[in-house]
Structures are given as structure tokens and as C-alpha cells.
Amino acid sequence: MSVYGLKKQFNKASQLVNEKVLKASHTEVEDSFRELERKTDWTIEAVKVLSEKVISVLQPNPAARVKAAYRVRVDRAKGGSGAAVSYPHAEGTLADIAQRAAGELGDDSYFGTALGEFGSSMREIVEFKDNMDVTVHQNFIDPLNQFLTKDAKEISFHRKKMESRRLDFDGKKRKKDKGTNIAESDLILAEEKFEESKDLAENGMMSLLEGDAEQITQLQALVEAMHEMHQHSAEVLAQLRESLDEKAATSQSQPRVTREPRVARTSLKTLEISSPVKLSDRHMDDTPGSQNGAIGDSAPVASSRNTSGGSKPQPHCKALYDFEAENEGELSFEEGDTINLTGRIDENWLEGEINGKAGYFPQNYVDIIVDV
């Protein structure tokens, strides 16, 4: 930066300090311009928050969302498109459990066939959710991100440029009022540049706010995708409910198999005939250490209780991926690290310690060797 540029930046900083500390006078913009700025800021903030929160609606589990995003990056690094990597929806887990149980029970089990239909229905719902995910990204999230990285960024640039030129203009005007030798042409040029940046910023904000139809169309695409997914899911669940009603009625109408209790066939008379030893002899010989093999003989049984006194292994796990803590209380680690487990928060999060640091972390990032 040239000496002139450094001097200019110093003058702007001096003007800003005078305004903030000494309450120096400065050029005020119209109330209409401030209202444009307020509505623009709210529009940009709404777009930013919506684009972030909609992803949380599509993929609720933060740990699974991070893992899926990591797998997409790995797939793309290997030359793939990342489209084959899908988020593990809870309905998919239900489908896996139900279909596995159905296979074990077989087609001759009413409950087994019911579980098979339930698993298939859950698979259909997962497909609907995956389709909604793709549609929402294409028609809602991607356009909003483009708006944030292009239109909003351009407006922000013009507003910052306007403020910078205002400080330059007000600084020169303040010095001229104090008697400093400032050429009139420099003051006029600074004012013209300020007005030019102000017009650019104003036109950009007006164009953004007049484009409400585009934002509404994108919001409509989100609602349509959600409505379509829920409508198809409701139809699948309604068909499943009817099928389960029929299976329950059929199962209840089946005759019950009656089983007679078994009766012991061995009687005292049989024992007397089959054994050459009399009952009285048996009682006499039924003593500890007897070598007689007659019916009813018994010998003391040695205790099999373990008295080795061995200690329980330390619960621990091995890291499958790198995990970087983003929130207070989380535990960072790298792939291959061994982490001592100290507790379990829920089915998705564990507590542990490594290298003297303790915290919690997602279970699907590690392979549990000895569980807590």
C-alpha cells in the first residue's frame, strides 16, 4: 500500500474514533435507506438460518449427519459422486431389525410375515425421505446458498464500501472545518464517491427486496417436497395398517393346538422289577463314598465357583475416524486412538478419556472393544 493509501486509511480510522468517542458529527442517510438496510438484514438472516435448520430437519441426528458428510467427501475423493452415500434414517434401522426377524421366523409365522411387510414399508418411507432430501437440496438449499454467496455478498460489499467512503468524506470535511488545507475539489470528489456507493448499495437492496417472488417459489418447493413425502408415507402406512388388521384377524381365527401334559411312566413297581437291589438295600448303601451304582445314589458335587480373583478388563474402544470437538464437553481424537470408556450418555453418545482429557463423543465414530 502506498503512502497516500496509508494516510487515507489513518484518516478514516481517526474519523471513526471521533464519531464513537467524541460524538463528532457525520453524514446521516435517509430513514428510508435505514429501513431498506433493516429489511435486507432480516431477509439475509432468515435465508441463512433456514438453510441451516432445514438440513437438521432432513437429517436430525448430528453425529450421523457428520458421518454421512464425511463418507460423501471420502467417496468424492475416490472419484465418486457421493450420491450413493445416504443418511441412515431411523426407519431404515427399523426395517433392518424387522426383516431380519422375519427371515428367522419364516413364512409359516403370522408375526414373521407381518414383520416382513412392516420392514418393506419402512424401506419405502426411507426412499421417500431420500428423494425429499435430494429435491430440497436442489430446489431450496442450493438456491439459498447461491443467494448468500452471490447477491447478499455483493450487497454487503457495496454497503461496506459506502461506509468507508462516508468516513473519508466526513474526515476531510471535519479537517476543512478546522482550517486544514483541504482542496475543494478533493472534498467534492469524496462526496461524489460516497453518493455513488450509496446508490449502488440502495439499488442492490431494492432489487433484493423486490425479488420476493423468487424466495417464495423456493419456499414453496420446500413445502411441496415435504408434503409429497408425508403424503406417500401416509399412504404406505394406511396400506400396512389394513394388511396388519387382516393378519391379526386371520391369526386369531386359527384353531389353537391343545397339548396334553406328559405323565411320568416310571412307577415304583417298575423300579423294583428292573433293579436287583431292594429298596431297603438302597437306603443302607446310599451313603457318601458308596461305590454302589443303584438308582438314587448320589455323591457330593464340587463347587465350580471361580476363586481366581481376576479383575474385569478396562472398558475401551478404538477410533474409526477423526473427531474434532465443536461444543464444550466433547472429546477430540484421531483415527486409530484407543479411548478409555467411563460411561454411556445414551444409545448414540459415550463418555471417555484419552491423554488425560475427558469428554463425550458419538458412538458411531468408534469400535467398542470392551463395553461399559
Foldseek 3Di string as FASTA:
>chain_A
DDPVVVVLVVLLVVLVCCCVPVVDDFDDDDPVLVVLVVVLVVVLVVLVVVLVVVVCVLAVDPQLVVVLVVVLVVQVVVVHRSLVRDRDDPLQVLLVVLQVVLVVVDPVDLSSVLSNLSSVLSVVLSVLSSVLVVQLVVLANVVSVVCVVPLVVVLVVLVVQLSSLRSSLRSLVVCVVVPDDDDPVVNVVSVVSNVVSSVVNSVSSVVVVVVVVSNVRSVVSNVVSVVVSVVVSVVSVVVSVVVVVVSVVVVVPDDDDDDDDDDDPDDPVNLPVVDPDDPVRCVVQQDEPRPDPRPPRDYDDDDPDDPPPDDDDFWKWFFCAFDDDDDPQADTDGHGDIWGFDAADDPFKTWTDDPHDIGMDGPVRIGTPGHD
